[in-house]
Amino acid sequence: MTDQITHRAFFGDGEHAFTLTDPMLAELERITGLGVGAMYFQLVNMAYPAEVLREIIRLGLIGAGTTPEDAKRLCDTYAANRPLAEVFPLAFEIMEARWNGKADPVAPVAA
């Protein structure tokens, strides 16, 4: 059911799924004090607080089934004290999956 809003990517130690479910979006809004639209606008315009990037990744991991403890450990290990140019693409892709959905893979055309 969440396949359309789940982003899969390599992060830190392997391939992970990231899903900003409704409860995770609500938590992100609570933590940041921003509505999801304002947060998306900030990301698109490169006007976001740096901490938001790690929170998007952490909550995306939790929403996809990673335990909160493991999500925090992964973010502390692989997203903290890294260049923002490394962390931003993943955070943006997680938010983009929730905002626009993931396209269904196109079936190959029979020759």
N, C-alpha and C. Protein backbone atom coordinates (compact mmCIF):
# COMPACT_ATOMS: atom_id res chain seq x y z
N MET A 1 0.81 -1.20 0.00
CA MET A 1 0.00 0.00 0.00
C MET A 1 0.85 1.27 0.00
N THR A 2 2.02 1.19 0.62
CA THR A 2 2.88 2.37 0.65
C THR A 2 3.93 2.35 -0.45
N ASP A 3 3.85 1.39 -1.37
CA ASP A 3 4.87 1.31 -2.43
C ASP A 3 4.99 2.60 -3.23
N GLN A 4 3.89 3.29 -3.42
CA GLN A 4 3.94 4.52 -4.22
C GLN A 4 4.65 5.66 -3.51
N ILE A 5 4.82 5.56 -2.20
CA ILE A 5 5.49 6.63 -1.46
C ILE A 5 6.79 6.15 -0.81
N THR A 6 7.24 4.96 -1.15
CA THR A 6 8.47 4.40 -0.59
C THR A 6 9.62 4.62 -1.55
N HIS A 7 10.69 5.16 -1.01
CA HIS A 7 11.91 5.34 -1.78
C HIS A 7 12.92 4.31 -1.30
N ARG A 8 13.60 3.67 -2.21
CA ARG A 8 14.64 2.70 -1.87
C ARG A 8 15.98 3.23 -2.35
N ALA A 9 16.96 3.16 -1.46
CA ALA A 9 18.28 3.69 -1.82
C ALA A 9 19.34 3.10 -0.90
N PHE A 10 20.58 3.16 -1.35
CA PHE A 10 21.72 2.79 -0.52
C PHE A 10 21.93 3.90 0.50
N PHE A 11 22.07 3.52 1.74
CA PHE A 11 22.37 4.49 2.80
C PHE A 11 23.28 3.83 3.81
N GLY A 12 24.48 4.32 3.91
CA GLY A 12 25.42 3.86 4.93
C GLY A 12 25.94 2.47 4.73
N ASP A 13 25.18 1.48 5.16
CA ASP A 13 25.67 0.11 5.17
C ASP A 13 24.94 -0.81 4.21
N GLY A 14 24.00 -0.27 3.45
CA GLY A 14 23.27 -1.13 2.52
C GLY A 14 22.03 -0.45 1.98
N GLU A 15 21.26 -1.24 1.26
CA GLU A 15 20.01 -0.77 0.67
C GLU A 15 18.94 -0.68 1.76
N HIS A 16 18.21 0.44 1.78
CA HIS A 16 17.16 0.64 2.77
C HIS A 16 15.92 1.20 2.10
N ALA A 17 14.78 0.97 2.73
CA ALA A 17 13.53 1.58 2.30
C ALA A 17 13.24 2.76 3.22
N PHE A 18 12.64 3.79 2.64
CA PHE A 18 12.30 5.03 3.37
C PHE A 18 10.88 5.40 3.01
N THR A 19 10.01 5.53 4.02
CA THR A 19 8.62 5.89 3.78
C THR A 19 8.17 6.92 4.80
N LEU A 20 7.76 8.08 4.32
CA LEU A 20 7.19 9.08 5.22
C LEU A 20 5.68 8.82 5.30
N THR A 21 5.33 7.92 6.20
CA THR A 21 3.92 7.60 6.43
C THR A 21 3.24 8.80 7.09
N ASP A 22 1.92 8.75 7.19
CA ASP A 22 1.20 9.84 7.83
C ASP A 22 1.70 10.13 9.25
N PRO A 23 1.88 9.09 10.10
CA PRO A 23 2.41 9.38 11.44
C PRO A 23 3.82 9.99 11.42
N MET A 24 4.65 9.56 10.47
CA MET A 24 6.00 10.11 10.38
C MET A 24 5.97 11.55 9.88
N LEU A 25 5.06 11.87 8.96
CA LEU A 25 4.90 13.26 8.52
C LEU A 25 4.44 14.13 9.68
N ALA A 26 3.50 13.63 10.47
CA ALA A 26 3.02 14.39 11.62
C ALA A 26 4.15 14.65 12.61
N GLU A 27 5.01 13.65 12.81
CA GLU A 27 6.15 13.82 13.71
C GLU A 27 7.15 14.82 13.13
N LEU A 28 7.39 14.76 11.84
CA LEU A 28 8.28 15.72 11.18
C LEU A 28 7.75 17.14 11.32
N GLU A 29 6.45 17.31 11.15
CA GLU A 29 5.84 18.63 11.32
C GLU A 29 5.97 19.11 12.76
N ARG A 30 5.79 18.19 13.70
CA ARG A 30 5.90 18.55 15.12
C ARG A 30 7.33 18.97 15.46
N ILE A 31 8.30 18.19 14.98
CA ILE A 31 9.70 18.47 15.28
C ILE A 31 10.15 19.80 14.68
N THR A 32 9.74 20.06 13.44
CA THR A 32 10.23 21.24 12.73
C THR A 32 9.36 22.46 12.92
N GLY A 33 8.11 22.28 13.33
CA GLY A 33 7.19 23.40 13.45
C GLY A 33 6.71 23.90 12.09
N LEU A 34 6.92 23.10 11.05
CA LEU A 34 6.51 23.47 9.70
C LEU A 34 5.51 22.46 9.16
N GLY A 35 4.57 22.94 8.37
CA GLY A 35 3.70 22.03 7.64
C GLY A 35 4.49 21.38 6.53
N VAL A 36 4.00 20.26 6.04
CA VAL A 36 4.73 19.52 5.01
C VAL A 36 4.90 20.35 3.74
N GLY A 37 3.94 21.18 3.39
CA GLY A 37 4.06 22.02 2.20
C GLY A 37 5.18 23.04 2.35
N ALA A 38 5.25 23.66 3.52
CA ALA A 38 6.32 24.64 3.77
C ALA A 38 7.68 23.97 3.77
N MET A 39 7.73 22.76 4.33
CA MET A 39 8.99 22.03 4.36
C MET A 39 9.43 21.64 2.95
N TYR A 40 8.50 21.16 2.15
CA TYR A 40 8.82 20.81 0.76
C TYR A 40 9.30 22.05 0.00
N PHE A 41 8.62 23.17 0.20
CA PHE A 41 9.00 24.43 -0.43
C PHE A 41 10.43 24.81 -0.04
N GLN A 42 10.76 24.66 1.24
CA GLN A 42 12.11 24.97 1.70
C GLN A 42 13.15 24.06 1.04
N LEU A 43 12.83 22.78 0.91
CA LEU A 43 13.77 21.86 0.28
C LEU A 43 13.99 22.22 -1.18
N VAL A 44 12.91 22.46 -1.90
CA VAL A 44 13.01 22.81 -3.32
C VAL A 44 13.83 24.08 -3.51
N ASN A 45 13.68 25.03 -2.59
CA ASN A 45 14.37 26.31 -2.71
C ASN A 45 15.69 26.37 -1.94
N MET A 46 16.15 25.21 -1.47
CA MET A 46 17.43 25.12 -0.76
C MET A 46 17.48 26.10 0.42
N ALA A 47 16.38 26.20 1.15
CA ALA A 47 16.28 27.15 2.27
C ALA A 47 15.86 26.42 3.55
N TYR A 48 16.39 25.25 3.77
CA TYR A 48 15.98 24.39 4.88
C TYR A 48 17.00 24.45 6.02
N PRO A 49 16.55 24.23 7.25
CA PRO A 49 17.51 24.04 8.34
C PRO A 49 18.22 22.69 8.15
N ALA A 50 19.49 22.64 8.40
CA ALA A 50 20.29 21.43 8.14
C ALA A 50 19.74 20.21 8.89
N GLU A 51 19.28 20.39 10.10
CA GLU A 51 18.79 19.26 10.91
C GLU A 51 17.59 18.56 10.25
N VAL A 52 16.85 19.28 9.45
CA VAL A 52 15.67 18.70 8.78
C VAL A 52 16.07 17.52 7.90
N LEU A 53 17.23 17.59 7.28
CA LEU A 53 17.65 16.52 6.38
C LEU A 53 17.78 15.19 7.13
N ARG A 54 18.45 15.21 8.27
CA ARG A 54 18.58 13.97 9.06
C ARG A 54 17.25 13.49 9.57
N GLU A 55 16.38 14.41 9.96
CA GLU A 55 15.06 13.99 10.46
C GLU A 55 14.22 13.33 9.37
N ILE A 56 14.29 13.85 8.16
CA ILE A 56 13.56 13.22 7.05
C ILE A 56 14.07 11.80 6.84
N ILE A 57 15.38 11.64 6.84
CA ILE A 57 15.96 10.31 6.64
C ILE A 57 15.59 9.38 7.78
N ARG A 58 15.75 9.84 9.02
CA ARG A 58 15.45 9.01 10.20
C ARG A 58 13.99 8.58 10.23
N LEU A 59 13.09 9.55 10.02
CA LEU A 59 11.66 9.22 10.05
C LEU A 59 11.25 8.38 8.85
N GLY A 60 11.92 8.58 7.71
CA GLY A 60 11.66 7.73 6.55
C GLY A 60 12.04 6.28 6.81
N LEU A 61 13.17 6.09 7.48
CA LEU A 61 13.57 4.73 7.85
C LEU A 61 12.55 4.09 8.79
N ILE A 62 12.14 4.83 9.81
CA ILE A 62 11.17 4.31 10.78
C ILE A 62 9.85 3.99 10.08
N GLY A 63 9.40 4.88 9.21
CA GLY A 63 8.14 4.66 8.49
C GLY A 63 8.17 3.42 7.62
N ALA A 64 9.37 3.04 7.17
CA ALA A 64 9.50 1.85 6.31
C ALA A 64 9.77 0.58 7.12
N GLY A 65 9.83 0.71 8.45
CA GLY A 65 9.95 -0.49 9.28
C GLY A 65 11.24 -0.66 10.05
N THR A 66 12.20 0.24 9.89
CA THR A 66 13.42 0.18 10.68
C THR A 66 13.08 0.58 12.12
N THR A 67 13.67 -0.07 13.09
CA THR A 67 13.39 0.31 14.47
C THR A 67 13.90 1.72 14.72
N PRO A 68 13.27 2.46 15.62
CA PRO A 68 13.75 3.81 15.93
C PRO A 68 15.22 3.83 16.38
N GLU A 69 15.63 2.82 17.12
CA GLU A 69 17.02 2.77 17.58
C GLU A 69 17.98 2.60 16.41
N ASP A 70 17.65 1.69 15.49
CA ASP A 70 18.52 1.48 14.32
C ASP A 70 18.51 2.69 13.41
N ALA A 71 17.35 3.33 13.25
CA ALA A 71 17.27 4.52 12.41
C ALA A 71 18.16 5.63 12.97
N LYS A 72 18.13 5.82 14.28
CA LYS A 72 18.98 6.84 14.91
C LYS A 72 20.44 6.49 14.74
N ARG A 73 20.78 5.22 14.95
CA ARG A 73 22.18 4.79 14.80
C ARG A 73 22.66 5.02 13.37
N LEU A 74 21.86 4.65 12.39
CA LEU A 74 22.24 4.86 10.98
C LEU A 74 22.45 6.34 10.68
N CYS A 75 21.54 7.16 11.15
CA CYS A 75 21.67 8.61 10.89
C CYS A 75 22.85 9.22 11.62
N ASP A 76 23.07 8.80 12.87
CA ASP A 76 24.21 9.30 13.62
C ASP A 76 25.53 8.89 12.96
N THR A 77 25.55 7.70 12.37
CA THR A 77 26.76 7.18 11.76
C THR A 77 27.00 7.70 10.35
N TYR A 78 25.92 7.79 9.56
CA TYR A 78 26.09 8.06 8.13
C TYR A 78 25.53 9.40 7.63
N ALA A 79 24.83 10.14 8.48
CA ALA A 79 24.30 11.43 8.03
C ALA A 79 24.81 12.60 8.86
N ALA A 80 25.31 12.34 10.05
CA ALA A 80 25.83 13.41 10.89
C ALA A 80 27.25 13.77 10.46
N ASN A 81 27.57 15.04 10.53
CA ASN A 81 28.92 15.53 10.23
C ASN A 81 29.39 15.13 8.83
N ARG A 82 28.45 15.09 7.90
CA ARG A 82 28.75 14.82 6.50
C ARG A 82 28.45 16.08 5.71
N PRO A 83 29.06 16.24 4.55
CA PRO A 83 28.71 17.39 3.72
C PRO A 83 27.21 17.37 3.38
N LEU A 84 26.57 18.50 3.48
CA LEU A 84 25.13 18.57 3.19
C LEU A 84 24.84 18.12 1.76
N ALA A 85 25.78 18.31 0.87
CA ALA A 85 25.59 17.87 -0.52
C ALA A 85 25.48 16.36 -0.63
N GLU A 86 25.96 15.63 0.37
CA GLU A 86 25.80 14.17 0.40
C GLU A 86 24.45 13.77 0.99
N VAL A 87 24.01 14.51 1.98
CA VAL A 87 22.80 14.15 2.72
C VAL A 87 21.53 14.66 2.02
N PHE A 88 21.61 15.83 1.41
CA PHE A 88 20.44 16.44 0.79
C PHE A 88 19.77 15.57 -0.26
N PRO A 89 20.50 14.97 -1.21
CA PRO A 89 19.80 14.21 -2.25
C PRO A 89 18.90 13.10 -1.71
N LEU A 90 19.38 12.37 -0.71
CA LEU A 90 18.55 11.31 -0.15
C LEU A 90 17.33 11.88 0.55
N ALA A 91 17.52 12.89 1.38
CA ALA A 91 16.38 13.50 2.08
C ALA A 91 15.36 14.03 1.08
N PHE A 92 15.84 14.68 0.03
CA PHE A 92 14.93 15.23 -0.97
C PHE A 92 14.18 14.12 -1.71
N GLU A 93 14.86 13.04 -2.05
CA GLU A 93 14.20 11.93 -2.75
C GLU A 93 13.14 11.27 -1.87
N ILE A 94 13.39 11.20 -0.57
CA ILE A 94 12.40 10.64 0.36
C ILE A 94 11.16 11.54 0.38
N MET A 95 11.38 12.84 0.50
CA MET A 95 10.26 13.79 0.51
C MET A 95 9.56 13.81 -0.85
N GLU A 96 10.32 13.74 -1.91
CA GLU A 96 9.76 13.74 -3.27
C GLU A 96 8.87 12.52 -3.50
N ALA A 97 9.28 11.38 -2.97
CA ALA A 97 8.46 10.17 -3.09
C ALA A 97 7.12 10.37 -2.41
N ARG A 98 7.13 11.03 -1.26
CA ARG A 98 5.88 11.27 -0.56
C ARG A 98 5.05 12.33 -1.27
N TRP A 99 5.70 13.35 -1.80
CA TRP A 99 4.99 14.46 -2.43
C TRP A 99 4.38 14.04 -3.77
N ASN A 100 5.16 13.42 -4.62
CA ASN A 100 4.72 13.09 -5.98
C ASN A 100 4.47 11.61 -6.22
N GLY A 101 4.90 10.76 -5.30
CA GLY A 101 4.77 9.33 -5.51
C GLY A 101 5.89 8.84 -6.42
N LYS A 102 6.08 7.54 -6.39
CA LYS A 102 7.07 6.91 -7.25
C LYS A 102 6.35 6.39 -8.48
N ALA A 103 6.94 6.59 -9.62
CA ALA A 103 6.35 6.11 -10.87
C ALA A 103 6.40 4.59 -10.89
N ASP A 104 5.35 3.98 -11.41
CA ASP A 104 5.37 2.54 -11.60
C ASP A 104 6.39 2.22 -12.67
N PRO A 105 7.15 1.14 -12.47
CA PRO A 105 8.12 0.79 -13.49
C PRO A 105 7.39 0.49 -14.81
N VAL A 106 7.96 0.96 -15.87
CA VAL A 106 7.35 0.75 -17.19
C VAL A 106 7.67 -0.66 -17.66
N ALA A 107 6.63 -1.38 -18.07
CA ALA A 107 6.83 -2.73 -18.57
C ALA A 107 7.54 -2.66 -19.91
N PRO A 108 8.47 -3.58 -20.17
CA PRO A 108 9.16 -3.56 -21.45
C PRO A 108 8.19 -3.83 -22.60
N VAL A 109 8.42 -3.16 -23.68
CA VAL A 109 7.58 -3.32 -24.86
C VAL A 109 8.03 -4.55 -25.61
N ALA A 110 7.07 -5.43 -25.94
CA ALA A 110 7.40 -6.64 -26.69
C ALA A 110 7.80 -6.28 -28.11
N ALA A 111 8.83 -6.93 -28.61
CA ALA A 111 9.32 -6.60 -29.97
C ALA A 111 8.58 -7.37 -31.04
